[in-house]
C-alpha atoms as a PDB file:
ATOM      1  CA  MET A   1       9.035 155.276 202.595  1.00  0.00           C
ATOM      2  CA  VAL A   2       8.603 152.289 200.168  1.00  0.00           C
ATOM      3  CA  ARG A   3       6.154 153.107 197.570  1.00  0.00           C
ATOM      4  CA  ALA A   4       2.757 151.069 197.367  1.00  0.00           C
ATOM      5  CA  ASP A   5       3.528 149.468 194.197  1.00  0.00           C
ATOM      6  CA  ASP A   6       6.891 148.379 195.613  1.00  0.00           C
ATOM      7  CA  LEU A   7       5.062 145.874 197.861  1.00  0.00           C
ATOM      8  CA  THR A   8       4.257 142.377 197.310  1.00  0.00           C
ATOM      9  CA  GLY A   9       2.589 139.325 199.028  1.00  0.00           C
ATOM     10  CA  PRO A  10       0.048 139.331 201.899  1.00  0.00           C
ATOM     11  CA  GLU A  11       2.274 140.691 204.509  1.00  0.00           C
ATOM     12  CA  LEU A  12       3.081 143.708 201.869  1.00  0.00           C
ATOM     13  CA  THR A  13       6.760 142.977 202.057  1.00  0.00           C
ATOM     14  CA  PRO A  14       9.136 145.161 200.053  1.00  0.00           C
ATOM     15  CA  ARG A  15       9.356 144.014 196.391  1.00  0.00           C
ATOM     16  CA  LEU A  16      12.905 144.595 195.532  1.00  0.00           C
ATOM     17  CA  ARG A  17      14.795 144.916 192.247  1.00  0.00           C
ATOM     18  CA  LEU A  18      17.967 143.038 190.887  1.00  0.00           C
ATOM     19  CA  MET A  19      19.822 144.048 187.592  1.00  0.00           C
ATOM     20  CA  ALA A  20      22.431 141.632 186.339  1.00  0.00           C
ATOM     21  CA  VAL A  21      24.587 143.307 183.597  1.00  0.00           C
ATOM     22  CA  HIS A  22      26.166 140.971 180.986  1.00  0.00           C
ATOM     23  CA  ALA A  23      28.201 141.019 177.817  1.00  0.00           C
ATOM     24  CA  HIS A  24      26.636 138.238 175.692  1.00  0.00           C
ATOM     25  CA  PRO A  25      23.539 136.148 175.329  1.00  0.00           C
ATOM     26  CA  ASP A  26      24.236 133.039 177.533  1.00  0.00           C
ATOM     27  CA  ASP A  27      26.293 134.793 179.843  1.00  0.00           C
ATOM     28  CA  GLU A  28      23.314 135.356 182.155  1.00  0.00           C
ATOM     29  CA  SER A  29      22.459 131.634 182.199  1.00  0.00           C
ATOM     30  CA  SER A  30      26.024 130.593 183.253  1.00  0.00           C
ATOM     31  CA  LYS A  31      26.674 133.038 185.878  1.00  0.00           C
ATOM     32  CA  GLY A  32      24.128 133.480 188.515  1.00  0.00           C
ATOM     33  CA  ALA A  33      20.992 132.103 186.795  1.00  0.00           C
ATOM     34  CA  ALA A  34      19.736 130.201 189.748  1.00  0.00           C
ATOM     35  CA  THR A  35      20.172 133.332 191.912  1.00  0.00           C
ATOM     36  CA  MET A  36      18.242 135.340 189.500  1.00  0.00           C
ATOM     37  CA  ALA A  37      15.452 132.556 189.328  1.00  0.00           C
ATOM     38  CA  LYS A  38      15.350 132.151 193.200  1.00  0.00           C
ATOM     39  CA  TYR A  39      14.826 136.022 193.623  1.00  0.00           C
ATOM     40  CA  SER A  40      11.956 136.127 190.898  1.00  0.00           C
ATOM     41  CA  ALA A  41      10.143 133.254 192.787  1.00  0.00           C
ATOM     42  CA  ASP A  42      10.203 134.977 195.857  1.00  0.00           C
ATOM     43  CA  GLY A  43       8.196 137.852 194.210  1.00  0.00           C
ATOM     44  CA  HIS A  44      11.249 140.364 193.322  1.00  0.00           C
ATOM     45  CA  GLU A  45      11.938 141.851 190.102  1.00  0.00           C
ATOM     46  CA  VAL A  46      14.947 140.728 188.167  1.00  0.00           C
ATOM     47  CA  MET A  47      16.424 142.128 184.932  1.00  0.00           C
ATOM     48  CA  VAL A  48      18.747 140.866 182.640  1.00  0.00           C
ATOM     49  CA  VAL A  49      20.746 143.529 180.837  1.00  0.00           C
ATOM     50  CA  THR A  50      22.722 142.338 177.670  1.00  0.00           C
ATOM     51  CA  CYS A  51      25.324 144.847 176.317  1.00  0.00           C
ATOM     52  CA  THR A  52      25.655 142.866 173.110  1.00  0.00           C
ATOM     53  CA  GLY A  53      23.771 140.706 170.686  1.00  0.00           C
ATOM     54  CA  GLY A  54      26.550 138.139 170.516  1.00  0.00           C
ATOM     55  CA  GLU A  55      26.780 138.449 166.633  1.00  0.00           C
ATOM     56  CA  ALA A  56      30.435 137.599 166.776  1.00  0.00           C
ATOM     57  CA  GLY A  57      29.867 134.321 168.474  1.00  0.00           C
ATOM     58  CA  SER A  58      30.332 130.925 166.923  1.00  0.00           C
ATOM     59  CA  VAL A  59      28.111 127.807 166.850  1.00  0.00           C
ATOM     60  CA  LEU A  60      29.399 125.759 169.415  1.00  0.00           C
ATOM     61  CA  ASN A  61      27.030 123.119 169.712  1.00  0.00           C
ATOM     62  CA  PRO A  62      27.587 120.583 166.560  1.00  0.00           C
ATOM     63  CA  ALA A  63      23.873 119.697 166.333  1.00  0.00           C
ATOM     64  CA  MET A  64      23.198 123.590 165.432  1.00  0.00           C
ATOM     65  CA  ASP A  65      26.076 123.717 163.050  1.00  0.00           C
ATOM     66  CA  ARG A  66      23.953 123.928 160.063  1.00  0.00           C
ATOM     67  CA  PRO A  67      24.132 126.716 157.140  1.00  0.00           C
ATOM     68  CA  GLU A  68      20.935 128.073 157.850  1.00  0.00           C
ATOM     69  CA  VAL A  69      21.725 128.729 161.526  1.00  0.00           C
ATOM     70  CA  LEU A  70      24.933 130.626 160.713  1.00  0.00           C
ATOM     71  CA  ALA A  71      23.202 132.659 158.173  1.00  0.00           C
ATOM     72  CA  ASN A  72      20.621 133.810 160.764  1.00  0.00           C
ATOM     73  CA  MET A  73      22.718 134.031 163.983  1.00  0.00           C
ATOM     74  CA  SER A  74      21.594 137.351 165.092  1.00  0.00           C
ATOM     75  CA  GLU A  75      17.900 136.503 165.229  1.00  0.00           C
ATOM     76  CA  ILE A  76      18.516 133.268 166.464  1.00  0.00           C
ATOM     77  CA  ARG A  77      20.425 134.366 169.534  1.00  0.00           C
ATOM     78  CA  LYS A  78      17.569 137.093 170.109  1.00  0.00           C
ATOM     79  CA  GLU A  79      14.963 133.970 170.559  1.00  0.00           C
ATOM     80  CA  GLU A  80      17.368 131.875 172.392  1.00  0.00           C
ATOM     81  CA  MET A  81      17.736 134.824 174.857  1.00  0.00           C
ATOM     82  CA  ALA A  82      14.094 135.543 175.020  1.00  0.00           C
ATOM     83  CA  ASN A  83      13.522 131.625 176.012  1.00  0.00           C
ATOM     84  CA  ALA A  84      16.121 131.846 178.558  1.00  0.00           C
ATOM     85  CA  ALA A  85      14.690 134.983 180.259  1.00  0.00           C
ATOM     86  CA  LYS A  86      11.339 133.293 180.351  1.00  0.00           C
ATOM     87  CA  ILE A  87      12.513 130.127 181.803  1.00  0.00           C
ATOM     88  CA  LEU A  88      14.299 132.272 184.644  1.00  0.00           C
ATOM     89  CA  GLY A  89      11.204 134.309 184.978  1.00  0.00           C
ATOM     90  CA  VAL A  90      13.102 137.586 184.516  1.00  0.00           C
ATOM     91  CA  SER A  91      12.667 140.540 182.247  1.00  0.00           C
ATOM     92  CA  HIS A  92      15.169 141.442 179.649  1.00  0.00           C
ATOM     93  CA  ARG A  93      16.798 144.401 178.098  1.00  0.00           C
ATOM     94  CA  TRP A  94      19.230 144.522 174.980  1.00  0.00           C
ATOM     95  CA  LEU A  95      21.789 147.540 175.538  1.00  0.00           C
ATOM     96  CA  GLY A  96      22.346 147.647 171.898  1.00  0.00           C
ATOM     97  CA  PHE A  97      26.126 147.338 171.288  1.00  0.00           C
ATOM     98  CA  VAL A  98      27.921 145.051 168.667  1.00  0.00           C
ATOM     99  CA  ASP A  99      29.842 141.916 169.760  1.00  0.00           C
ATOM    100  CA  SER A 100      33.479 142.751 169.640  1.00  0.00           C
ATOM    101  CA  GLY A 101      34.442 139.159 169.211  1.00  0.00           C
ATOM    102  CA  LEU A 102      37.398 137.531 170.944  1.00  0.00           C
ATOM    103  CA  PRO A 103      40.545 138.622 169.060  1.00  0.00           C
ATOM    104  CA  GLU A 104      42.951 135.691 167.988  1.00  0.00           C
ATOM    105  CA  GLY A 105      46.582 135.781 166.748  1.00  0.00           C
ATOM    106  CA  ASP A 106      49.903 137.010 168.019  1.00  0.00           C
ATOM    107  CA  PRO A 107      49.592 140.001 167.954  1.00  0.00           C
ATOM    108  CA  PRO A 108      45.980 139.954 168.237  1.00  0.00           C
ATOM    109  CA  PRO A 109      44.240 141.977 165.472  1.00  0.00           C
ATOM    110  CA  PRO A 110      42.427 145.175 166.308  1.00  0.00           C
ATOM    111  CA  LEU A 111      38.847 144.940 167.346  1.00  0.00           C
ATOM    112  CA  PRO A 112      36.231 145.714 164.776  1.00  0.00           C
ATOM    113  CA  GLU A 113      35.187 149.537 164.593  1.00  0.00           C
ATOM    114  CA  GLY A 114      32.159 150.467 166.108  1.00  0.00           C
ATOM    115  CA  SER A 115      32.000 147.266 168.328  1.00  0.00           C
ATOM    116  CA  PHE A 116      31.139 147.185 172.166  1.00  0.00           C
ATOM    117  CA  ALA A 117      34.664 147.378 173.379  1.00  0.00           C
ATOM    118  CA  VAL A 118      35.875 150.105 171.435  1.00  0.00           C
ATOM    119  CA  VAL A 119      32.723 152.674 171.005  1.00  0.00           C
ATOM    120  CA  PRO A 120      33.663 155.553 173.666  1.00  0.00           C
ATOM    121  CA  ILE A 121      32.748 154.282 177.080  1.00  0.00           C
ATOM    122  CA  GLU A 122      30.567 157.413 177.870  1.00  0.00           C
ATOM    123  CA  GLU A 123      28.025 156.339 175.177  1.00  0.00           C
ATOM    124  CA  SER A 124      27.700 152.977 176.613  1.00  0.00           C
ATOM    125  CA  THR A 125      27.510 154.200 179.915  1.00  0.00           C
ATOM    126  CA  GLU A 126      24.776 156.553 179.073  1.00  0.00           C
ATOM    127  CA  ALA A 127      22.543 153.688 177.831  1.00  0.00           C
ATOM    128  CA  LEU A 128      23.010 151.636 180.941  1.00  0.00           C
ATOM    129  CA  VAL A 129      22.309 154.819 183.034  1.00  0.00           C
ATOM    130  CA  GLY A 130      19.203 155.184 181.143  1.00  0.00           C
ATOM    131  CA  VAL A 131      18.175 151.387 181.932  1.00  0.00           C
ATOM    132  CA  ILE A 132      19.178 151.704 185.555  1.00  0.00           C
ATOM    133  CA  ARG A 133      16.996 154.837 186.219  1.00  0.00           C
ATOM    134  CA  GLU A 134      14.178 153.225 184.400  1.00  0.00           C
ATOM    135  CA  PHE A 135      14.194 150.108 186.357  1.00  0.00           C
ATOM    136  CA  ARG A 136      15.532 151.276 189.711  1.00  0.00           C
ATOM    137  CA  PRO A 137      17.368 148.286 190.807  1.00  0.00           C
ATOM    138  CA  HIS A 138      18.441 148.122 194.372  1.00  0.00           C
ATOM    139  CA  VAL A 139      21.260 145.732 193.596  1.00  0.00           C
ATOM    140  CA  ILE A 140      23.711 145.416 190.431  1.00  0.00           C
ATOM    141  CA  ILE A 141      25.585 142.150 189.511  1.00  0.00           C
ATOM    142  CA  THR A 142      28.200 142.387 187.077  1.00  0.00           C
ATOM    143  CA  TYR A 143      31.741 140.915 186.534  1.00  0.00           C
ATOM    144  CA  ASP A 144      35.092 141.640 188.339  1.00  0.00           C
ATOM    145  CA  GLU A 145      37.810 143.681 186.540  1.00  0.00           C
ATOM    146  CA  ASN A 146      39.019 140.843 184.795  1.00  0.00           C
ATOM    147  CA  GLY A 147      35.737 140.132 183.105  1.00  0.00           C
ATOM    148  CA  GLY A 148      35.349 136.705 184.737  1.00  0.00           C
ATOM    149  CA  TYR A 149      37.636 135.950 181.952  1.00  0.00           C
ATOM    150  CA  PRO A 150      39.598 138.430 179.634  1.00  0.00           C
ATOM    151  CA  HIS A 151      37.250 138.652 176.633  1.00  0.00           C
ATOM    152  CA  PRO A 152      37.182 142.354 175.633  1.00  0.00           C
ATOM    153  CA  ASP A 153      33.455 142.535 175.936  1.00  0.00           C
ATOM    154  CA  HIS A 154      33.525 141.344 179.339  1.00  0.00           C
ATOM    155  CA  ILE A 155      36.057 143.682 180.569  1.00  0.00           C
ATOM    156  CA  ARG A 156      34.202 146.535 179.003  1.00  0.00           C
ATOM    157  CA  THR A 157      31.100 145.331 180.899  1.00  0.00           C
ATOM    158  CA  HIS A 158      32.920 145.699 183.967  1.00  0.00           C
ATOM    159  CA  LEU A 159      34.132 149.152 183.170  1.00  0.00           C
ATOM    160  CA  VAL A 160      30.491 150.332 182.077  1.00  0.00           C
ATOM    161  CA  SER A 161      28.817 148.603 184.992  1.00  0.00           C
ATOM    162  CA  MET A 162      31.181 150.674 187.321  1.00  0.00           C
ATOM    163  CA  ALA A 163      30.606 153.891 185.804  1.00  0.00           C
ATOM    164  CA  ALA A 164      26.818 153.789 185.559  1.00  0.00           C
ATOM    165  CA  PHE A 165      26.525 152.594 189.259  1.00  0.00           C
ATOM    166  CA  ASP A 166      28.166 156.008 190.035  1.00  0.00           C
ATOM    167  CA  ALA A 167      26.535 158.157 187.509  1.00  0.00           C
ATOM    168  CA  ALA A 168      22.865 157.081 187.687  1.00  0.00           C
ATOM    169  CA  ALA A 169      22.567 158.667 190.961  1.00  0.00           C
ATOM    170  CA  GLU A 170      24.055 162.123 189.581  1.00  0.00           C
ATOM    171  CA  PRO A 171      21.585 164.583 188.186  1.00  0.00           C
ATOM    172  CA  ASP A 172      24.363 166.474 186.342  1.00  0.00           C
ATOM    173  CA  GLN A 173      25.617 163.245 184.772  1.00  0.00           C
ATOM    174  CA  PHE A 174      23.690 162.288 181.667  1.00  0.00           C
ATOM    175  CA  PRO A 175      20.617 164.459 182.555  1.00  0.00           C
ATOM    176  CA  GLU A 176      18.731 163.113 179.273  1.00  0.00           C
ATOM    177  CA  ALA A 177      18.927 159.730 180.742  1.00  0.00           C
ATOM    178  CA  GLY A 178      15.958 160.099 183.166  1.00  0.00           C
ATOM    179  CA  GLU A 179      15.460 160.870 186.849  1.00  0.00           C
ATOM    180  CA  PRO A 180      18.541 160.040 189.017  1.00  0.00           C
ATOM    181  CA  TRP A 181      18.437 156.630 191.006  1.00  0.00           C
ATOM    182  CA  GLN A 182      20.864 155.452 193.276  1.00  0.00           C
ATOM    183  CA  PRO A 183      21.445 151.619 193.487  1.00  0.00           C
ATOM    184  CA  LEU A 184      22.424 150.471 196.982  1.00  0.00           C
ATOM    185  CA  LYS A 185      24.742 147.403 196.302  1.00  0.00           C
ATOM    186  CA  LEU A 186      26.905 146.213 193.457  1.00  0.00           C
ATOM    187  CA  TYR A 187      28.299 142.584 193.104  1.00  0.00           C
ATOM    188  CA  TYR A 188      30.777 140.903 191.011  1.00  0.00           C
ATOM    189  CA  VAL A 189      29.609 137.186 190.326  1.00  0.00           C
ATOM    190  CA  HIS A 190      32.255 134.447 190.704  1.00  0.00           C
ATOM    191  CA  GLY A 191      32.186 130.836 189.428  1.00  0.00           C
ATOM    192  CA  PHE A 192      35.379 129.735 187.998  1.00  0.00           C
ATOM    193  CA  SER A 193      36.667 128.470 191.470  1.00  0.00           C
ATOM    194  CA  ARG A 194      39.358 125.936 191.767  1.00  0.00           C
ATOM    195  CA  ALA A 195      37.882 124.966 195.241  1.00  0.00           C
ATOM    196  CA  ARG A 196      34.807 124.188 193.454  1.00  0.00           C
ATOM    197  CA  MET A 197      36.302 122.077 190.706  1.00  0.00           C
ATOM    198  CA  LEU A 198      38.197 120.219 193.301  1.00  0.00           C
ATOM    199  CA  LYS A 199      35.058 119.083 195.344  1.00  0.00           C
ATOM    200  CA  PHE A 200      33.260 117.935 192.276  1.00  0.00           C
ATOM    201  CA  ASP A 201      36.364 116.247 190.754  1.00  0.00           C
ATOM    202  CA  GLU A 202      36.717 114.258 194.139  1.00  0.00           C
ATOM    203  CA  ALA A 203      32.946 113.549 194.215  1.00  0.00           C
ATOM    204  CA  LEU A 204      32.720 112.215 190.961  1.00  0.00           C
ATOM    205  CA  LYS A 205      35.635 110.119 191.009  1.00  0.00           C
ATOM    206  CA  ALA A 206      34.633 108.670 194.427  1.00  0.00           C
ATOM    207  CA  ALA A 207      31.139 107.764 192.730  1.00  0.00           C
ATOM    208  CA  GLY A 208      33.123 106.285 190.007  1.00  0.00           C
ATOM    209  CA  LEU A 209      32.083 108.850 187.562  1.00  0.00           C
ATOM    210  CA  GLU A 210      34.379 110.699 184.860  1.00  0.00           C
ATOM    211  CA  SER A 211      35.518 114.036 185.855  1.00  0.00           C
ATOM    212  CA  PRO A 212      35.903 116.692 183.375  1.00  0.00           C
ATOM    213  CA  TYR A 213      38.016 118.789 185.552  1.00  0.00           C
ATOM    214  CA  ASP A 214      41.454 117.047 185.353  1.00  0.00           C
ATOM    215  CA  GLU A 215      42.842 118.976 182.615  1.00  0.00           C
ATOM    216  CA  TRP A 216      41.805 122.446 184.120  1.00  0.00           C
ATOM    217  CA  LEU A 217      43.174 121.185 187.637  1.00  0.00           C
ATOM    218  CA  LYS A 218      46.478 120.113 186.135  1.00  0.00           C
ATOM    219  CA  ASN A 219      47.082 123.302 184.217  1.00  0.00           C
ATOM    220  CA  TRP A 220      45.882 125.617 187.040  1.00  0.00           C
ATOM    221  CA  ASP A 221      48.792 128.016 187.604  1.00  0.00           C
ATOM    222  CA  PRO A 222      49.899 127.544 191.281  1.00  0.00           C
ATOM    223  CA  GLU A 223      50.424 131.368 191.597  1.00  0.00           C
ATOM    224  CA  ARG A 224      46.770 132.049 190.712  1.00  0.00           C
ATOM    225  CA  ALA A 225      44.675 133.059 193.455  1.00  0.00           C
ATOM    226  CA  ASP A 226      41.150 131.319 193.719  1.00  0.00           C
ATOM    227  CA  VAL A 227      38.148 133.682 193.483  1.00  0.00           C
ATOM    228  CA  MET A 228      36.728 132.173 196.564  1.00  0.00           C
ATOM    229  CA  GLU A 229      39.297 134.137 198.512  1.00  0.00           C
ATOM    230  CA  ARG A 230      37.331 137.160 197.138  1.00  0.00           C
ATOM    231  CA  VAL A 231      33.811 135.880 197.897  1.00  0.00           C
ATOM    232  CA  THR A 232      31.703 137.635 200.423  1.00  0.00           C
ATOM    233  CA  THR A 233      28.266 136.230 199.822  1.00  0.00           C
ATOM    234  CA  ARG A 234      27.032 132.682 199.141  1.00  0.00           C
ATOM    235  CA  VAL A 235      23.379 132.477 197.718  1.00  0.00           C
ATOM    236  CA  PRO A 236      21.606 129.369 198.397  1.00  0.00           C
ATOM    237  CA  CYS A 237      19.876 128.313 195.352  1.00  0.00           C
ATOM    238  CA  GLY A 238      20.057 124.577 194.763  1.00  0.00           C
ATOM    239  CA  ASP A 239      16.470 124.377 194.329  1.00  0.00           C
ATOM    240  CA  TYR A 240      16.655 126.517 190.941  1.00  0.00           C
ATOM    241  CA  PHE A 241      19.585 124.648 189.335  1.00  0.00           C
ATOM    242  CA  GLU A 242      17.002 122.878 187.037  1.00  0.00           C
ATOM    243  CA  GLN A 243      15.996 126.359 185.709  1.00  0.00           C
ATOM    244  CA  ARG A 244      19.632 127.226 185.434  1.00  0.00           C
ATOM    245  CA  ASP A 245      20.459 124.303 183.274  1.00  0.00           C
ATOM    246  CA  GLU A 246      17.242 124.654 181.142  1.00  0.00           C
ATOM    247  CA  ALA A 247      17.984 128.546 180.792  1.00  0.00           C
ATOM    248  CA  LEU A 248      21.523 127.575 179.450  1.00  0.00           C
ATOM    249  CA  LYS A 249      20.260 124.748 177.183  1.00  0.00           C
ATOM    250  CA  ALA A 250      17.831 127.517 175.564  1.00  0.00           C
ATOM    251  CA  HIS A 251      21.143 129.035 174.217  1.00  0.00           C
ATOM    252  CA  ALA A 252      21.282 126.198 171.652  1.00  0.00           C
ATOM    253  CA  THR A 253      23.706 127.465 169.555  1.00  0.00           C
ATOM    254  CA  GLN A 254      26.286 127.951 172.299  1.00  0.00           C
ATOM    255  CA  ILE A 255      25.660 125.052 174.434  1.00  0.00           C
ATOM    256  CA  ASP A 256      25.940 121.214 173.821  1.00  0.00           C
ATOM    257  CA  PRO A 257      23.602 119.480 176.152  1.00  0.00           C
ATOM    258  CA  THR A 258      25.671 116.615 176.337  1.00  0.00           C
ATOM    259  CA  SER A 259      28.797 118.739 177.249  1.00  0.00           C
ATOM    260  CA  ARG A 260      30.723 118.815 180.483  1.00  0.00           C
ATOM    261  CA  TRP A 261      28.348 121.933 181.605  1.00  0.00           C
ATOM    262  CA  PHE A 262      25.996 119.031 182.902  1.00  0.00           C
ATOM    263  CA  VAL A 263      28.148 116.265 184.011  1.00  0.00           C
ATOM    264  CA  VAL A 264      27.832 116.721 187.700  1.00  0.00           C
ATOM    265  CA  PRO A 265      24.358 115.273 188.670  1.00  0.00           C
ATOM    266  CA  LEU A 266      22.177 117.851 190.225  1.00  0.00           C
ATOM    267  CA  GLU A 267      21.825 116.123 193.581  1.00  0.00           C
ATOM    268  CA  MET A 268      25.630 116.131 193.898  1.00  0.00           C
ATOM    269  CA  GLN A 269      25.663 119.766 193.156  1.00  0.00           C
ATOM    270  CA  ARG A 270      23.026 120.549 196.024  1.00  0.00           C
ATOM    271  CA  GLU A 271      24.922 118.393 198.590  1.00  0.00           C
ATOM    272  CA  ILE A 272      28.513 119.701 197.773  1.00  0.00           C
ATOM    273  CA  TRP A 273      27.924 123.112 196.465  1.00  0.00           C
ATOM    274  CA  PRO A 274      24.403 124.537 196.691  1.00  0.00           C
ATOM    275  CA  THR A 275      25.283 128.140 196.339  1.00  0.00           C
ATOM    276  CA  GLU A 276      26.381 130.766 193.591  1.00  0.00           C
ATOM    277  CA  ASP A 277      28.845 132.963 194.942  1.00  0.00           C
ATOM    278  CA  TYR A 278      29.510 136.929 194.853  1.00  0.00           C
ATOM    279  CA  GLU A 279      31.741 139.504 196.053  1.00  0.00           C
ATOM    280  CA  LEU A 280      30.255 142.566 197.397  1.00  0.00           C
ATOM    281  CA  VAL A 281      32.285 145.761 196.114  1.00  0.00           C
ATOM    282  CA  ARG A 282      30.070 148.526 196.660  1.00  0.00           C
ATOM    283  CA  SER A 283      27.369 148.967 199.519  1.00  0.00           C
ATOM    284  CA  LEU A 284      25.422 151.958 200.536  1.00  0.00           C
ATOM    285  CA  VAL A 285      23.554 150.072 203.416  1.00  0.00           C
ATOM    286  CA  ASP A 286      25.145 148.411 206.471  1.00  0.00           C
ATOM    287  CA  SER A 287      26.628 145.066 205.435  1.00  0.00           C
ATOM    288  CA  THR A 288      27.806 142.102 207.809  1.00  0.00           C
ATOM    289  CA  LEU A 289      30.120 139.844 205.946  1.00  0.00           C
ATOM    290  CA  PRO A 290      29.781 136.971 205.159  1.00  0.00           C
ATOM    291  CA  GLU A 291      26.410 137.333 203.518  1.00  0.00           C
ATOM    292  CA  ASP A 292      23.854 134.780 202.224  1.00  0.00           C
ATOM    293  CA  ASP A 293      21.616 137.204 200.480  1.00  0.00           C
ATOM    294  CA  LEU A 294      22.365 139.867 197.833  1.00  0.00           C
ATOM    295  CA  PHE A 295      19.341 142.165 199.278  1.00  0.00           C
ATOM    296  CA  ALA A 296      21.001 141.895 203.010  1.00  0.00           C
ATOM    297  CA  GLY A 297      20.633 145.336 204.781  1.00  0.00           C
ATOM    298  CA  ILE A 298      18.336 146.635 201.743  1.00  0.00           C
ATOM    299  CA  LYS A 299      15.209 144.920 203.060  1.00  0.00           C
ATOM    300  CA  GLU A 300      15.457 146.793 206.312  1.00  0.00           C
ATOM    301  CA  LYS A 301      16.345 150.161 204.555  1.00  0.00           C
ATOM    302  CA  VAL A 302      13.503 149.876 202.027  1.00  0.00           C
ATOM    303  CA  GLY A 303      10.968 148.576 204.308  1.00  0.00           C
ATOM    304  CA  THR A 304      11.089 151.381 206.840  1.00  0.00           C
END
């Protein structure tokens, strides 16, 4: 039976809970942000868990490239994350690990000792299990096995999320991390799609506008599969694209508001691609694919 404090609205419909697990501050605003804003506006509870503080990030917005910013990156990124969470209407939790950075060189240097991607995975899994058992999400969102892109913290976020999804329900796993809780569905968030870029590229050029996608499309490996072949669930969330963009801009050290992130007009986005796209990889409820709702099958189970 659904608990009384899990009901919302005049009809007392179930208040469901969604958790998105990300590697760094700003990842939540570039991957699934409009979906989170939509579910929050619908009265559901949404939590972002950020595994690291983003300490190793560079200043990517020229307007913020100042000595006082570089000297205080850790605190500034915390403030940026708080602002983004407020814009999206979500709660937020730091998992507390240190950004591993993106190693560069051939061969790449070893990752810093004690950073997220090299601490024992049991340690980071237990930390996430504790947050899962406290928040009790019905759905978890994370990255695929490639991390969305091959940053070591993104790949580790995938591994930790998968391990925690299974461990959270097991009483003998991390018994000090709280009472067991079984999430019901887990999704990978997908966004870097060739099909999406092609549609925007064609629409921008047809409107007489410059496209930022030429170089990406020219360099696309023809042997590389499009993630849209894996997508099972497309959530309509075009009404929340403004919130998504404002949350992204809140990460002012990372996002140049004049960059290609914001080239495609919002009305064009709503017309051509009004969804955010996911792959269902774990489900403990009846799931009929394709879906347009991350809570599909859960509302019926929780509400009975």
